[in-house]
Amino acid sequence: MANEKYNGWTNYATWRVNLEIFDGLNPVDYGWAIDDEYTMAQQVREYAEEIIDMTASEGLARDYALAFLSDVDWQSIAEHLICDWADDERDENEETETEEN
């Protein structure tokens, strides 16, 4: 079941992590590499791991949370963040052009 598509995402873990951690985040605000999907995938993985490290005490629950992250398709989340950012930038540019005319 861990590798089945879920709500249009690679799998449940990818959908859930994107929803709980990355939904609505602007990658530019975090200094992530919007021009390099591979690098951003590494950055978002590190960010998710840091959240677990900061919020969970050592023990079984933390270990399970980190293990859950191993099923996440980080490349897919990075691609999604880049596309959302590009869409937002395009929308802002269109609004600016409309206001200027």
Protein backbone atom coordinates (compact mmCIF):
# COMPACT_ATOMS: atom_id res chain seq x y z
CA MET A 1 0.00 0.00 0.00
CA ALA A 2 2.87 2.44 0.68
CA ASN A 3 3.69 2.69 -3.03
CA GLU A 4 0.15 3.20 -4.36
CA LYS A 5 -0.87 6.58 -5.78
CA TYR A 6 -2.79 8.73 -3.30
CA ASN A 7 -4.85 11.84 -4.15
CA GLY A 8 -2.74 12.41 -7.27
CA TRP A 9 0.54 12.07 -5.39
CA THR A 10 3.15 9.32 -5.64
CA ASN A 11 1.92 7.70 -2.42
CA TYR A 12 0.26 8.43 0.91
CA ALA A 13 3.49 9.54 2.62
CA THR A 14 4.22 12.10 -0.10
CA TRP A 15 0.67 13.46 -0.03
CA ARG A 16 0.59 13.67 3.76
CA VAL A 17 4.00 15.33 4.18
CA ASN A 18 3.21 17.84 1.45
CA LEU A 19 -0.16 18.62 3.03
CA GLU A 20 1.09 18.87 6.61
CA ILE A 21 4.43 20.59 6.06
CA PHE A 22 4.73 22.21 2.64
CA ASP A 23 1.24 23.22 1.53
CA GLY A 24 1.22 26.98 0.99
CA LEU A 25 4.95 27.45 1.62
CA ASN A 26 6.84 29.84 -0.64
CA PRO A 27 10.21 28.22 -1.40
CA VAL A 28 11.82 31.62 -1.92
CA ASP A 29 11.04 32.54 1.69
CA TYR A 30 13.23 29.62 2.78
CA GLY A 31 16.05 30.25 0.31
CA TRP A 32 15.41 26.97 -1.50
CA ALA A 33 16.78 26.37 -4.99
CA ILE A 34 13.79 27.16 -7.22
CA ASP A 35 15.95 26.68 -10.30
CA ASP A 36 17.20 23.21 -9.31
CA GLU A 37 14.60 20.55 -8.56
CA TYR A 38 17.16 18.02 -7.33
CA THR A 39 18.70 20.45 -4.84
CA MET A 40 15.30 21.61 -3.66
CA ALA A 41 14.27 18.00 -3.08
CA GLN A 42 17.24 17.63 -0.73
CA GLN A 43 16.39 20.92 0.97
CA VAL A 44 12.76 20.03 1.62
CA ARG A 45 13.78 16.63 2.98
CA GLU A 46 16.23 18.27 5.38
CA TYR A 47 13.53 20.74 6.42
CA ALA A 48 11.05 17.94 7.20
CA GLU A 49 13.69 16.05 9.16
CA GLU A 50 14.52 19.20 11.13
CA ILE A 51 10.86 19.64 12.06
CA ILE A 52 10.79 16.12 13.46
CA ASP A 53 14.07 16.67 15.28
CA MET A 54 12.76 19.90 16.83
CA THR A 55 9.32 18.64 17.81
CA ALA A 56 9.76 14.98 18.77
CA SER A 57 11.76 13.65 21.65
CA GLU A 58 14.02 10.68 21.04
CA GLY A 59 12.26 7.38 21.09
CA LEU A 60 9.95 5.13 19.18
CA ALA A 61 7.55 7.83 17.91
CA ARG A 62 10.43 9.92 16.52
CA ASP A 63 11.93 6.84 14.89
CA TYR A 64 8.60 6.02 13.24
CA ALA A 65 8.20 9.59 12.03
CA LEU A 66 11.65 9.55 10.45
CA ALA A 67 10.96 6.13 8.92
CA PHE A 68 7.73 7.51 7.42
CA LEU A 69 9.81 10.14 5.62
CA SER A 70 11.74 7.42 3.80
CA ASP A 71 8.62 6.73 1.71
CA VAL A 72 8.25 10.35 0.57
CA ASP A 73 8.94 11.26 -3.06
CA TRP A 74 10.90 14.44 -2.36
CA GLN A 75 11.39 15.15 -6.06
CA SER A 76 7.61 15.28 -6.49
CA ILE A 77 7.21 17.76 -3.63
CA ALA A 78 10.01 19.93 -5.00
CA GLU A 79 8.45 19.92 -8.46
CA HIS A 80 5.09 20.88 -6.97
CA LEU A 81 6.59 23.74 -4.95
CA ILE A 82 8.44 25.07 -8.00
CA CYS A 83 5.30 24.91 -10.16
CA ASP A 84 3.19 26.63 -7.50
CA TRP A 85 5.83 29.34 -7.07
CA ALA A 86 6.02 29.88 -10.85
CA ASP A 87 2.21 30.09 -11.07
CA ASP A 88 2.12 32.64 -8.24
CA GLU A 89 4.86 34.71 -9.91
CA ARG A 90 3.02 34.64 -13.25
CA ASP A 91 -0.24 35.68 -11.56
CA GLU A 92 1.49 38.56 -9.77
CA ASN A 93 3.08 39.74 -13.02
CA GLU A 94 -0.27 39.61 -14.81
CA GLU A 95 -1.90 41.61 -12.01
CA THR A 96 0.85 44.22 -12.17
CA GLU A 97 0.53 44.52 -15.95
CA THR A 98 -3.24 44.88 -15.65
CA GLU A 99 -2.90 47.62 -13.01
CA GLU A 100 -0.37 49.50 -15.16
CA ASN A 101 -2.73 49.52 -18.15
